[in-house]
Amino acid sequence: MIDLLIPAIISCIVAFLVVFVMTPPLIKILEKRNFAVKDMNKKEDVMVVRPGGPAIITGIIASEIVLYAFLQMNEILAIVITTTAAFLIGYVDDRKVMGGWFKPVALAIAAIPIIALGAYDSDLAFPLFGTVQIPALYFALIIFMIPITGNTINSIDVLNGVASGFMVIASFSLSICLFIVQNYEIAIVSLPLGFVSLAFYKYHKIPSKIFPGDSGALTLGAMYGSIAIVGGVEIIAAVALLPAVINSFLFLSSVKRIVEHREIKGKPVDHTEDFRLKATNDRKAPVTLVRLILAGGPMTEKQVGFAIFKLAIFSGVLAIITAFMMGVTL
């Protein structure tokens, strides 16, 4: 454990500093190229650049290279390759409008390196009940999990700072859980995700100077899913991600098909005269977590964001409790 301390510290510093330092010049480059979209939740005509994915993936790759130099683990390679593939998939979608099928199918293919490098354990661990051996079914779980976690984070990226702030909470919760179940090496490997998210949140929080875009959100989600698989903590990871998972479930169950947000005609959220957010009565609009939060009455964008963060903290605590329960059976 002590011999992991130095690579952990170095990789976390690299993860944070690369994103923190790289994002301001990235913002300027995107401004010059006019890669900006309107912030729909601002009363004024505010344009925000996107995507922030290049800064996020650079921080992840740089920090994981540091860890690979120390640890020489196939699991790190699998995480980096799958996460990089997710970034490229998201970047294509940032630059060109793709169909609703594109991201799920492409992200499923991006999961293949995890299988090819053997960076997984086909035993699925449950709290209290122990592990279940599902060698054949586990391949399907890997293929499905990366699209789920990638699109789950992408779907919650609807307000300033929410996706990056949510990932700060979820990823650090997952790292704590990995330490609890004594998977120390993967716990160290997972730490840069939290620091990358924290550094990006500095520029993504209200008022956003940059949006992560599909490339940024898919990168964060895919790395989270990859860590869950190689760390053997799939159930714990799902618990920590619960608010975002519920948001995706509500959206899909109401829309009843895989579709891009830009293709939805109904608006789940509208604005009051003082530009607070309020839930709409549009029956054609999808049900989302934000819409449920606003069911009690109008709120500011910051208030809704903090409500989501509170749910994320609650889910993180549940995940930690789940990890302790799982530790009993390990």
C-alpha atoms as a PDB file:
ATOM      1  CA  MET A   1       0.000   0.000   0.000  1.00  0.00           C
ATOM      2  CA  ILE A   2       2.797   2.444   0.918  1.00  0.00           C
ATOM      3  CA  ASP A   3       4.612   1.797  -2.382  1.00  0.00           C
ATOM      4  CA  LEU A   4       1.474   3.023  -4.210  1.00  0.00           C
ATOM      5  CA  LEU A   5       1.535   6.389  -2.448  1.00  0.00           C
ATOM      6  CA  ILE A   6       4.073   8.118  -4.727  1.00  0.00           C
ATOM      7  CA  PRO A   7       2.445   7.117  -8.054  1.00  0.00           C
ATOM      8  CA  ALA A   8      -0.957   8.050  -6.606  1.00  0.00           C
ATOM      9  CA  ILE A   9       0.185  11.532  -5.604  1.00  0.00           C
ATOM     10  CA  ILE A  10       2.014  12.197  -8.886  1.00  0.00           C
ATOM     11  CA  SER A  11      -0.846  10.963 -11.081  1.00  0.00           C
ATOM     12  CA  CYS A  12      -3.450  13.011  -9.193  1.00  0.00           C
ATOM     13  CA  ILE A  13      -1.339  16.177  -9.454  1.00  0.00           C
ATOM     14  CA  VAL A  14      -0.808  15.563 -13.176  1.00  0.00           C
ATOM     15  CA  ALA A  15      -4.534  14.886 -13.738  1.00  0.00           C
ATOM     16  CA  PHE A  16      -5.589  18.097 -12.041  1.00  0.00           C
ATOM     17  CA  LEU A  17      -2.901  20.399 -13.418  1.00  0.00           C
ATOM     18  CA  VAL A  18      -3.159  19.239 -17.047  1.00  0.00           C
ATOM     19  CA  VAL A  19      -6.896  19.974 -17.182  1.00  0.00           C
ATOM     20  CA  PHE A  20      -6.624  23.135 -15.063  1.00  0.00           C
ATOM     21  CA  VAL A  21      -3.851  24.583 -17.235  1.00  0.00           C
ATOM     22  CA  MET A  22      -5.067  23.328 -20.609  1.00  0.00           C
ATOM     23  CA  THR A  23      -8.708  24.426 -20.392  1.00  0.00           C
ATOM     24  CA  PRO A  24      -8.219  28.260 -20.600  1.00  0.00           C
ATOM     25  CA  PRO A  25      -6.236  28.100 -23.882  1.00  0.00           C
ATOM     26  CA  LEU A  26      -8.739  25.529 -25.177  1.00  0.00           C
ATOM     27  CA  ILE A  27     -11.520  28.029 -24.446  1.00  0.00           C
ATOM     28  CA  LYS A  28      -9.699  30.702 -26.474  1.00  0.00           C
ATOM     29  CA  ILE A  29      -9.146  28.318 -29.403  1.00  0.00           C
ATOM     30  CA  LEU A  30     -12.816  27.339 -29.425  1.00  0.00           C
ATOM     31  CA  GLU A  31     -13.853  31.000 -29.256  1.00  0.00           C
ATOM     32  CA  LYS A  32     -11.705  31.826 -32.303  1.00  0.00           C
ATOM     33  CA  ARG A  33     -13.264  28.954 -34.238  1.00  0.00           C
ATOM     34  CA  ASN A  34     -16.733  29.977 -33.072  1.00  0.00           C
ATOM     35  CA  PHE A  35     -17.423  26.548 -31.576  1.00  0.00           C
ATOM     36  CA  ALA A  36     -20.075  27.836 -29.204  1.00  0.00           C
ATOM     37  CA  VAL A  37     -23.705  27.165 -28.325  1.00  0.00           C
ATOM     38  CA  LYS A  38     -26.309  29.277 -26.572  1.00  0.00           C
ATOM     39  CA  ASP A  39     -26.720  28.703 -22.840  1.00  0.00           C
ATOM     40  CA  MET A  40     -30.452  28.076 -22.835  1.00  0.00           C
ATOM     41  CA  ASN A  41     -30.823  28.699 -19.093  1.00  0.00           C
ATOM     42  CA  LYS A  42     -29.543  32.273 -19.138  1.00  0.00           C
ATOM     43  CA  LYS A  43     -31.827  35.272 -19.654  1.00  0.00           C
ATOM     44  CA  GLU A  44     -29.166  37.109 -21.615  1.00  0.00           C
ATOM     45  CA  ASP A  45     -27.891  35.856 -24.963  1.00  0.00           C
ATOM     46  CA  VAL A  46     -24.907  33.969 -23.522  1.00  0.00           C
ATOM     47  CA  MET A  47     -22.768  31.802 -25.798  1.00  0.00           C
ATOM     48  CA  VAL A  48     -20.578  29.067 -24.252  1.00  0.00           C
ATOM     49  CA  VAL A  49     -17.835  27.218 -26.108  1.00  0.00           C
ATOM     50  CA  ARG A  50     -17.677  23.463 -26.457  1.00  0.00           C
ATOM     51  CA  PRO A  51     -16.363  20.792 -26.343  1.00  0.00           C
ATOM     52  CA  GLY A  52     -14.102  20.500 -23.313  1.00  0.00           C
ATOM     53  CA  GLY A  53     -13.415  16.856 -24.124  1.00  0.00           C
ATOM     54  CA  PRO A  54      -9.845  17.443 -25.431  1.00  0.00           C
ATOM     55  CA  ALA A  55      -8.714  18.841 -22.069  1.00  0.00           C
ATOM     56  CA  ILE A  56     -10.444  16.056 -20.133  1.00  0.00           C
ATOM     57  CA  ILE A  57      -8.982  13.198 -22.187  1.00  0.00           C
ATOM     58  CA  THR A  58      -5.498  14.749 -22.151  1.00  0.00           C
ATOM     59  CA  GLY A  59      -5.571  14.901 -18.355  1.00  0.00           C
ATOM     60  CA  ILE A  60      -6.746  11.305 -18.128  1.00  0.00           C
ATOM     61  CA  ILE A  61      -4.150   9.935 -20.560  1.00  0.00           C
ATOM     62  CA  ALA A  62      -1.277  11.880 -18.980  1.00  0.00           C
ATOM     63  CA  SER A  63      -2.114  10.743 -15.446  1.00  0.00           C
ATOM     64  CA  GLU A  64      -2.710   7.118 -16.424  1.00  0.00           C
ATOM     65  CA  ILE A  65       0.598   7.015 -18.337  1.00  0.00           C
ATOM     66  CA  VAL A  66       2.293   8.028 -15.083  1.00  0.00           C
ATOM     67  CA  LEU A  67       0.549   5.171 -13.301  1.00  0.00           C
ATOM     68  CA  TYR A  68       1.412   2.681 -16.040  1.00  0.00           C
ATOM     69  CA  ALA A  69       5.087   3.629 -15.756  1.00  0.00           C
ATOM     70  CA  PHE A  70       4.941   2.587 -12.102  1.00  0.00           C
ATOM     71  CA  LEU A  71       2.462  -0.309 -12.142  1.00  0.00           C
ATOM     72  CA  GLN A  72       2.679  -1.882 -15.650  1.00  0.00           C
ATOM     73  CA  MET A  73      -0.926  -3.127 -15.472  1.00  0.00           C
ATOM     74  CA  ASN A  74      -3.050  -4.280 -18.414  1.00  0.00           C
ATOM     75  CA  GLU A  75      -6.045  -2.839 -16.587  1.00  0.00           C
ATOM     76  CA  ILE A  76      -4.636   0.676 -17.062  1.00  0.00           C
ATOM     77  CA  LEU A  77      -4.183   0.086 -20.788  1.00  0.00           C
ATOM     78  CA  ALA A  78      -7.744  -1.213 -21.069  1.00  0.00           C
ATOM     79  CA  ILE A  79      -9.140   1.827 -19.255  1.00  0.00           C
ATOM     80  CA  VAL A  80      -7.114   4.288 -21.362  1.00  0.00           C
ATOM     81  CA  ILE A  81      -7.947   2.663 -24.707  1.00  0.00           C
ATOM     82  CA  THR A  82     -11.680   2.368 -23.965  1.00  0.00           C
ATOM     83  CA  THR A  83     -11.835   5.904 -22.566  1.00  0.00           C
ATOM     84  CA  THR A  84      -9.945   7.343 -25.534  1.00  0.00           C
ATOM     85  CA  ALA A  85     -12.289   5.538 -27.921  1.00  0.00           C
ATOM     86  CA  ALA A  86     -15.254   7.050 -26.048  1.00  0.00           C
ATOM     87  CA  PHE A  87     -13.714  10.502 -26.432  1.00  0.00           C
ATOM     88  CA  LEU A  88     -13.324  10.026 -30.199  1.00  0.00           C
ATOM     89  CA  ILE A  89     -16.920   8.807 -30.471  1.00  0.00           C
ATOM     90  CA  GLY A  90     -18.129  11.849 -28.568  1.00  0.00           C
ATOM     91  CA  TYR A  91     -15.967  14.191 -30.623  1.00  0.00           C
ATOM     92  CA  VAL A  92     -17.501  12.874 -33.839  1.00  0.00           C
ATOM     93  CA  ASP A  93     -20.932  13.563 -32.360  1.00  0.00           C
ATOM     94  CA  ASP A  94     -19.810  17.047 -31.272  1.00  0.00           C
ATOM     95  CA  ARG A  95     -18.778  17.944 -34.803  1.00  0.00           C
ATOM     96  CA  LYS A  96     -21.495  16.154 -36.754  1.00  0.00           C
ATOM     97  CA  VAL A  97     -25.066  15.340 -35.757  1.00  0.00           C
ATOM     98  CA  MET A  98     -25.362  11.546 -35.614  1.00  0.00           C
ATOM     99  CA  GLY A  99     -28.399   9.327 -35.153  1.00  0.00           C
ATOM    100  CA  GLY A 100     -29.535   8.053 -31.764  1.00  0.00           C
ATOM    101  CA  TRP A 101     -28.057   4.623 -32.531  1.00  0.00           C
ATOM    102  CA  PHE A 102     -24.505   5.891 -33.056  1.00  0.00           C
ATOM    103  CA  LYS A 103     -23.249   6.389 -29.508  1.00  0.00           C
ATOM    104  CA  PRO A 104     -24.635   3.162 -27.934  1.00  0.00           C
ATOM    105  CA  VAL A 105     -23.315   0.989 -30.756  1.00  0.00           C
ATOM    106  CA  ALA A 106     -19.940   2.715 -30.965  1.00  0.00           C
ATOM    107  CA  LEU A 107     -19.466   2.654 -27.176  1.00  0.00           C
ATOM    108  CA  ALA A 108     -20.254  -1.072 -27.145  1.00  0.00           C
ATOM    109  CA  ILE A 109     -17.398  -1.564 -29.613  1.00  0.00           C
ATOM    110  CA  ALA A 110     -15.181   0.673 -27.451  1.00  0.00           C
ATOM    111  CA  ALA A 111     -15.583  -1.830 -24.602  1.00  0.00           C
ATOM    112  CA  ILE A 112     -13.831  -4.608 -26.558  1.00  0.00           C
ATOM    113  CA  PRO A 113     -10.274  -3.688 -25.374  1.00  0.00           C
ATOM    114  CA  ILE A 114     -11.305  -4.594 -21.816  1.00  0.00           C
ATOM    115  CA  ILE A 115     -12.165  -8.089 -23.021  1.00  0.00           C
ATOM    116  CA  ALA A 116      -9.174  -8.378 -25.374  1.00  0.00           C
ATOM    117  CA  LEU A 117      -6.703  -7.454 -22.619  1.00  0.00           C
ATOM    118  CA  GLY A 118      -8.388  -9.731 -20.086  1.00  0.00           C
ATOM    119  CA  ALA A 119      -8.792  -6.798 -17.687  1.00  0.00           C
ATOM    120  CA  TYR A 120     -11.816  -8.187 -15.875  1.00  0.00           C
ATOM    121  CA  ASP A 121     -13.043 -10.867 -13.493  1.00  0.00           C
ATOM    122  CA  SER A 122     -16.162 -12.665 -14.672  1.00  0.00           C
ATOM    123  CA  ASP A 123     -17.368 -13.133 -11.076  1.00  0.00           C
ATOM    124  CA  LEU A 124     -20.047 -10.567 -10.248  1.00  0.00           C
ATOM    125  CA  ALA A 125     -19.883  -9.506  -6.595  1.00  0.00           C
ATOM    126  CA  PHE A 126     -23.041  -8.744  -4.599  1.00  0.00           C
ATOM    127  CA  PRO A 127     -23.254  -7.326  -1.069  1.00  0.00           C
ATOM    128  CA  LEU A 128     -23.870  -9.981   1.627  1.00  0.00           C
ATOM    129  CA  PHE A 129     -24.630 -12.710  -0.935  1.00  0.00           C
ATOM    130  CA  GLY A 130     -21.082 -13.036  -2.258  1.00  0.00           C
ATOM    131  CA  THR A 131     -20.019 -13.582  -5.861  1.00  0.00           C
ATOM    132  CA  VAL A 132     -21.848 -15.175  -8.766  1.00  0.00           C
ATOM    133  CA  GLN A 133     -19.884 -16.828 -11.571  1.00  0.00           C
ATOM    134  CA  ILE A 134     -21.273 -15.785 -14.975  1.00  0.00           C
ATOM    135  CA  PRO A 135     -18.398 -16.239 -17.487  1.00  0.00           C
ATOM    136  CA  ALA A 136     -20.532 -16.069 -20.643  1.00  0.00           C
ATOM    137  CA  LEU A 137     -22.998 -13.439 -19.452  1.00  0.00           C
ATOM    138  CA  TYR A 138     -20.209 -11.212 -18.182  1.00  0.00           C
ATOM    139  CA  PHE A 139     -19.045 -10.495 -21.741  1.00  0.00           C
ATOM    140  CA  ALA A 140     -22.506  -9.070 -22.422  1.00  0.00           C
ATOM    141  CA  LEU A 141     -22.313  -7.051 -19.196  1.00  0.00           C
ATOM    142  CA  ILE A 142     -19.042  -5.441 -20.337  1.00  0.00           C
ATOM    143  CA  ILE A 143     -20.444  -4.626 -23.774  1.00  0.00           C
ATOM    144  CA  PHE A 144     -23.561  -3.049 -22.260  1.00  0.00           C
ATOM    145  CA  MET A 145     -21.979  -1.259 -19.295  1.00  0.00           C
ATOM    146  CA  ILE A 146     -19.765   1.201 -21.204  1.00  0.00           C
ATOM    147  CA  PRO A 147     -22.660   2.531 -23.345  1.00  0.00           C
ATOM    148  CA  ILE A 148     -24.811   2.774 -20.216  1.00  0.00           C
ATOM    149  CA  THR A 149     -22.329   4.724 -18.084  1.00  0.00           C
ATOM    150  CA  GLY A 150     -21.203   6.872 -21.019  1.00  0.00           C
ATOM    151  CA  ASN A 151     -24.701   7.892 -22.072  1.00  0.00           C
ATOM    152  CA  THR A 152     -25.848   8.196 -18.461  1.00  0.00           C
ATOM    153  CA  ILE A 153     -23.339  10.967 -17.747  1.00  0.00           C
ATOM    154  CA  ASN A 154     -24.090  12.522 -21.120  1.00  0.00           C
ATOM    155  CA  SER A 155     -27.815  12.611 -20.351  1.00  0.00           C
ATOM    156  CA  ILE A 156     -27.330  14.429 -17.032  1.00  0.00           C
ATOM    157  CA  ASP A 157     -25.192  17.138 -18.669  1.00  0.00           C
ATOM    158  CA  VAL A 158     -28.085  19.591 -18.897  1.00  0.00           C
ATOM    159  CA  LEU A 159     -27.106  22.394 -16.489  1.00  0.00           C
ATOM    160  CA  ASN A 160     -23.958  24.381 -15.799  1.00  0.00           C
ATOM    161  CA  GLY A 161     -21.497  22.296 -13.810  1.00  0.00           C
ATOM    162  CA  VAL A 162     -23.754  19.295 -13.222  1.00  0.00           C
ATOM    163  CA  ALA A 163     -21.928  16.610 -15.230  1.00  0.00           C
ATOM    164  CA  SER A 164     -18.442  17.477 -13.931  1.00  0.00           C
ATOM    165  CA  GLY A 165     -19.628  18.153 -10.372  1.00  0.00           C
ATOM    166  CA  PHE A 166     -21.612  14.926 -10.315  1.00  0.00           C
ATOM    167  CA  MET A 167     -18.564  13.005 -11.518  1.00  0.00           C
ATOM    168  CA  VAL A 168     -16.396  14.526  -8.785  1.00  0.00           C
ATOM    169  CA  ILE A 169     -18.745  13.051  -6.180  1.00  0.00           C
ATOM    170  CA  ALA A 170     -19.393   9.711  -7.915  1.00  0.00           C
ATOM    171  CA  SER A 171     -15.771   8.996  -8.855  1.00  0.00           C
ATOM    172  CA  PHE A 172     -14.307   9.832  -5.441  1.00  0.00           C
ATOM    173  CA  SER A 173     -17.048   7.703  -3.853  1.00  0.00           C
ATOM    174  CA  LEU A 174     -16.041   4.838  -6.132  1.00  0.00           C
ATOM    175  CA  SER A 175     -12.366   5.283  -5.219  1.00  0.00           C
ATOM    176  CA  ILE A 176     -13.224   5.128  -1.509  1.00  0.00           C
ATOM    177  CA  CYS A 177     -15.221   1.947  -2.150  1.00  0.00           C
ATOM    178  CA  LEU A 178     -12.291   0.356  -3.971  1.00  0.00           C
ATOM    179  CA  PHE A 179     -10.075   1.075  -0.958  1.00  0.00           C
ATOM    180  CA  ILE A 180     -12.711  -0.449   1.345  1.00  0.00           C
ATOM    181  CA  VAL A 181     -12.836  -3.711  -0.636  1.00  0.00           C
ATOM    182  CA  GLN A 182      -9.003  -3.634  -0.608  1.00  0.00           C
ATOM    183  CA  ASN A 183      -8.557  -3.340  -4.364  1.00  0.00           C
ATOM    184  CA  TYR A 184      -5.804  -0.809  -3.771  1.00  0.00           C
ATOM    185  CA  GLU A 185      -4.201  -0.704  -7.212  1.00  0.00           C
ATOM    186  CA  ILE A 186      -7.448  -0.009  -9.071  1.00  0.00           C
ATOM    187  CA  ALA A 187      -8.389   2.494  -6.360  1.00  0.00           C
ATOM    188  CA  ILE A 188      -5.199   4.397  -7.201  1.00  0.00           C
ATOM    189  CA  VAL A 189      -5.958   4.087 -10.922  1.00  0.00           C
ATOM    190  CA  SER A 190      -9.432   5.545 -10.343  1.00  0.00           C
ATOM    191  CA  LEU A 191      -8.290   8.660  -8.451  1.00  0.00           C
ATOM    192  CA  PRO A 192      -7.291  10.729 -11.536  1.00  0.00           C
ATOM    193  CA  LEU A 193     -10.916  10.637 -12.762  1.00  0.00           C
ATOM    194  CA  GLY A 194     -12.002  12.600  -9.707  1.00  0.00           C
ATOM    195  CA  PHE A 195      -9.200  15.145 -10.048  1.00  0.00           C
ATOM    196  CA  VAL A 196      -9.803  15.612 -13.779  1.00  0.00           C
ATOM    197  CA  SER A 197     -13.505  16.219 -13.050  1.00  0.00           C
ATOM    198  CA  LEU A 198     -12.637  18.632 -10.219  1.00  0.00           C
ATOM    199  CA  ALA A 199     -10.288  20.673 -12.414  1.00  0.00           C
ATOM    200  CA  PHE A 200     -12.841  20.877 -15.230  1.00  0.00           C
ATOM    201  CA  TYR A 201     -15.597  21.836 -12.786  1.00  0.00           C
ATOM    202  CA  LYS A 202     -13.668  25.054 -12.108  1.00  0.00           C
ATOM    203  CA  TYR A 203     -14.562  26.211 -15.646  1.00  0.00           C
ATOM    204  CA  HIS A 204     -17.843  24.328 -16.018  1.00  0.00           C
ATOM    205  CA  LYS A 205     -19.598  25.545 -12.856  1.00  0.00           C
ATOM    206  CA  ILE A 206     -22.130  28.404 -12.976  1.00  0.00           C
ATOM    207  CA  PRO A 207     -21.609  30.511 -15.020  1.00  0.00           C
ATOM    208  CA  SER A 208     -19.995  28.029 -17.410  1.00  0.00           C
ATOM    209  CA  LYS A 209     -17.053  29.172 -19.487  1.00  0.00           C
ATOM    210  CA  ILE A 210     -17.003  25.859 -21.373  1.00  0.00           C
ATOM    211  CA  PHE A 211     -19.270  22.844 -21.807  1.00  0.00           C
ATOM    212  CA  PRO A 212     -17.822  19.299 -21.853  1.00  0.00           C
ATOM    213  CA  GLY A 213     -19.787  18.352 -24.950  1.00  0.00           C
ATOM    214  CA  ASP A 214     -20.449  14.745 -25.882  1.00  0.00           C
ATOM    215  CA  SER A 215     -16.712  14.105 -26.052  1.00  0.00           C
ATOM    216  CA  GLY A 216     -16.216  15.221 -22.455  1.00  0.00           C
ATOM    217  CA  ALA A 217     -19.308  13.565 -20.974  1.00  0.00           C
ATOM    218  CA  LEU A 218     -18.751  10.243 -22.763  1.00  0.00           C
ATOM    219  CA  THR A 219     -15.090  10.279 -21.706  1.00  0.00           C
ATOM    220  CA  LEU A 220     -15.994  10.695 -18.032  1.00  0.00           C
ATOM    221  CA  GLY A 221     -18.770   8.104 -18.176  1.00  0.00           C
ATOM    222  CA  ALA A 222     -16.767   5.518 -20.106  1.00  0.00           C
ATOM    223  CA  MET A 223     -13.787   5.782 -17.740  1.00  0.00           C
ATOM    224  CA  TYR A 224     -16.118   5.387 -14.769  1.00  0.00           C
ATOM    225  CA  GLY A 225     -17.636   2.247 -16.313  1.00  0.00           C
ATOM    226  CA  SER A 226     -14.208   0.855 -17.213  1.00  0.00           C
ATOM    227  CA  ILE A 227     -12.981   1.305 -13.639  1.00  0.00           C
ATOM    228  CA  ALA A 228     -16.083  -0.432 -12.316  1.00  0.00           C
ATOM    229  CA  ILE A 229     -15.430  -3.446 -14.566  1.00  0.00           C
ATOM    230  CA  VAL A 230     -11.686  -3.841 -14.028  1.00  0.00           C
ATOM    231  CA  GLY A 231     -12.141  -3.195 -10.309  1.00  0.00           C
ATOM    232  CA  GLY A 232     -14.898  -5.784  -9.956  1.00  0.00           C
ATOM    233  CA  VAL A 233     -17.240  -3.271  -8.279  1.00  0.00           C
ATOM    234  CA  GLU A 234     -20.021  -3.051 -10.834  1.00  0.00           C
ATOM    235  CA  ILE A 235     -22.856  -3.110  -8.292  1.00  0.00           C
ATOM    236  CA  ILE A 236     -21.173  -0.516  -6.078  1.00  0.00           C
ATOM    237  CA  ALA A 237     -20.537   1.721  -9.095  1.00  0.00           C
ATOM    238  CA  ALA A 238     -24.198   1.500 -10.100  1.00  0.00           C
ATOM    239  CA  VAL A 239     -25.266   2.577  -6.602  1.00  0.00           C
ATOM    240  CA  ALA A 240     -22.941   5.606  -6.649  1.00  0.00           C
ATOM    241  CA  LEU A 241     -24.301   6.572 -10.076  1.00  0.00           C
ATOM    242  CA  LEU A 242     -27.940   6.074  -9.076  1.00  0.00           C
ATOM    243  CA  PRO A 243     -29.320   9.618  -9.684  1.00  0.00           C
ATOM    244  CA  ALA A 244     -27.883   9.681 -13.208  1.00  0.00           C
ATOM    245  CA  VAL A 245     -29.097   6.126 -13.855  1.00  0.00           C
ATOM    246  CA  ILE A 246     -32.599   7.093 -12.700  1.00  0.00           C
ATOM    247  CA  ASN A 247     -32.487  10.131 -15.003  1.00  0.00           C
ATOM    248  CA  SER A 248     -31.622   7.918 -17.991  1.00  0.00           C
ATOM    249  CA  PHE A 249     -34.286   5.371 -17.045  1.00  0.00           C
ATOM    250  CA  LEU A 250     -36.963   8.057 -16.720  1.00  0.00           C
ATOM    251  CA  PHE A 251     -35.971   9.574 -20.056  1.00  0.00           C
ATOM    252  CA  LEU A 252     -35.934   6.275 -21.944  1.00  0.00           C
ATOM    253  CA  SER A 253     -39.129   4.961 -20.348  1.00  0.00           C
ATOM    254  CA  SER A 254     -41.011   8.134 -21.295  1.00  0.00           C
ATOM    255  CA  VAL A 255     -39.556   8.438 -24.806  1.00  0.00           C
ATOM    256  CA  LYS A 256     -39.617   4.644 -25.368  1.00  0.00           C
ATOM    257  CA  ARG A 257     -36.707   4.686 -27.796  1.00  0.00           C
ATOM    258  CA  ILE A 258     -33.054   5.643 -28.031  1.00  0.00           C
ATOM    259  CA  VAL A 259     -32.990   9.208 -29.291  1.00  0.00           C
ATOM    260  CA  GLU A 260     -30.809  12.300 -29.148  1.00  0.00           C
ATOM    261  CA  HIS A 261     -31.979  15.123 -26.866  1.00  0.00           C
ATOM    262  CA  ARG A 262     -31.955  17.481 -29.841  1.00  0.00           C
ATOM    263  CA  GLU A 263     -34.581  15.285 -31.524  1.00  0.00           C
ATOM    264  CA  ILE A 264     -37.080  15.679 -28.676  1.00  0.00           C
ATOM    265  CA  LYS A 265     -39.858  18.122 -29.535  1.00  0.00           C
ATOM    266  CA  GLY A 266     -41.444  18.508 -26.099  1.00  0.00           C
ATOM    267  CA  LYS A 267     -39.723  20.639 -23.455  1.00  0.00           C
ATOM    268  CA  PRO A 268     -39.532  19.046 -19.973  1.00  0.00           C
ATOM    269  CA  VAL A 269     -38.379  22.356 -18.444  1.00  0.00           C
ATOM    270  CA  ASP A 270     -39.344  25.962 -19.121  1.00  0.00           C
ATOM    271  CA  HIS A 271     -38.562  29.333 -17.538  1.00  0.00           C
ATOM    272  CA  THR A 272     -40.499  31.742 -15.362  1.00  0.00           C
ATOM    273  CA  GLU A 273     -40.495  35.492 -16.026  1.00  0.00           C
ATOM    274  CA  ASP A 274     -37.497  35.920 -13.717  1.00  0.00           C
ATOM    275  CA  PHE A 275     -35.848  32.996 -15.594  1.00  0.00           C
ATOM    276  CA  ARG A 276     -36.042  30.405 -12.867  1.00  0.00           C
ATOM    277  CA  LEU A 277     -36.530  26.829 -14.052  1.00  0.00           C
ATOM    278  CA  LYS A 278     -39.958  25.240 -13.844  1.00  0.00           C
ATOM    279  CA  ALA A 279     -41.433  21.893 -14.888  1.00  0.00           C
ATOM    280  CA  THR A 280     -43.749  22.008 -17.886  1.00  0.00           C
ATOM    281  CA  ASN A 281     -47.114  20.308 -18.352  1.00  0.00           C
ATOM    282  CA  ASP A 282     -46.201  19.183 -21.877  1.00  0.00           C
ATOM    283  CA  ARG A 283     -47.276  15.537 -22.139  1.00  0.00           C
ATOM    284  CA  LYS A 284     -44.972  15.002 -25.104  1.00  0.00           C
ATOM    285  CA  ALA A 285     -41.931  16.075 -23.095  1.00  0.00           C
ATOM    286  CA  PRO A 286     -39.776  13.331 -21.548  1.00  0.00           C
ATOM    287  CA  VAL A 287     -39.669  12.778 -17.807  1.00  0.00           C
ATOM    288  CA  THR A 288     -36.240  13.653 -16.387  1.00  0.00           C
ATOM    289  CA  LEU A 289     -34.617  13.986 -12.978  1.00  0.00           C
ATOM    290  CA  VAL A 290     -34.575  17.781 -13.332  1.00  0.00           C
ATOM    291  CA  ARG A 291     -38.279  17.803 -14.169  1.00  0.00           C
ATOM    292  CA  LEU A 292     -39.035  15.749 -11.040  1.00  0.00           C
ATOM    293  CA  ILE A 293     -36.917  18.045  -8.869  1.00  0.00           C
ATOM    294  CA  LEU A 294     -38.862  21.030 -10.238  1.00  0.00           C
ATOM    295  CA  ALA A 295     -42.232  19.373  -9.585  1.00  0.00           C
ATOM    296  CA  GLY A 296     -42.289  21.114  -6.199  1.00  0.00           C
ATOM    297  CA  GLY A 297     -41.999  24.553  -7.772  1.00  0.00           C
ATOM    298  CA  PRO A 298     -39.603  26.821  -9.706  1.00  0.00           C
ATOM    299  CA  MET A 299     -35.933  26.900  -8.734  1.00  0.00           C
ATOM    300  CA  THR A 300     -32.796  28.638  -9.948  1.00  0.00           C
ATOM    301  CA  GLU A 301     -30.302  26.705 -12.033  1.00  0.00           C
ATOM    302  CA  LYS A 302     -27.875  26.717  -9.106  1.00  0.00           C
ATOM    303  CA  GLN A 303     -30.519  25.328  -6.734  1.00  0.00           C
ATOM    304  CA  VAL A 304     -31.350  22.484  -9.113  1.00  0.00           C
ATOM    305  CA  GLY A 305     -27.646  21.706  -9.513  1.00  0.00           C
ATOM    306  CA  PHE A 306     -27.154  21.567  -5.743  1.00  0.00           C
ATOM    307  CA  ALA A 307     -30.214  19.303  -5.420  1.00  0.00           C
ATOM    308  CA  ILE A 308     -28.596  16.879  -7.882  1.00  0.00           C
ATOM    309  CA  PHE A 309     -25.306  17.070  -5.972  1.00  0.00           C
ATOM    310  CA  LYS A 310     -27.132  16.237  -2.719  1.00  0.00           C
ATOM    311  CA  LEU A 311     -28.605  13.168  -4.386  1.00  0.00           C
ATOM    312  CA  ALA A 312     -25.128  12.253  -5.642  1.00  0.00           C
ATOM    313  CA  ILE A 313     -23.675  12.546  -2.123  1.00  0.00           C
ATOM    314  CA  PHE A 314     -26.503  10.409  -0.738  1.00  0.00           C
ATOM    315  CA  SER A 315     -25.863   7.770  -3.415  1.00  0.00           C
ATOM    316  CA  GLY A 316     -22.131   7.950  -2.713  1.00  0.00           C
ATOM    317  CA  VAL A 317     -22.785   7.224   0.969  1.00  0.00           C
ATOM    318  CA  LEU A 318     -25.016   4.294  -0.018  1.00  0.00           C
ATOM    319  CA  ALA A 319     -22.226   2.999  -2.256  1.00  0.00           C
ATOM    320  CA  ILE A 320     -19.735   3.186   0.621  1.00  0.00           C
ATOM    321  CA  ILE A 321     -22.158   1.293   2.881  1.00  0.00           C
ATOM    322  CA  THR A 322     -22.574  -1.269   0.092  1.00  0.00           C
ATOM    323  CA  ALA A 323     -18.775  -1.618  -0.121  1.00  0.00           C
ATOM    324  CA  PHE A 324     -18.581  -2.352   3.617  1.00  0.00           C
ATOM    325  CA  MET A 325     -21.357  -4.931   3.204  1.00  0.00           C
ATOM    326  CA  MET A 326     -19.482  -6.460   0.294  1.00  0.00           C
ATOM    327  CA  GLY A 327     -16.286  -6.514   2.335  1.00  0.00           C
ATOM    328  CA  VAL A 328     -18.006  -8.872   4.747  1.00  0.00           C
ATOM    329  CA  THR A 329     -18.305 -11.506   2.017  1.00  0.00           C
ATOM    330  CA  LEU A 330     -14.850 -11.035   0.429  1.00  0.00           C
END
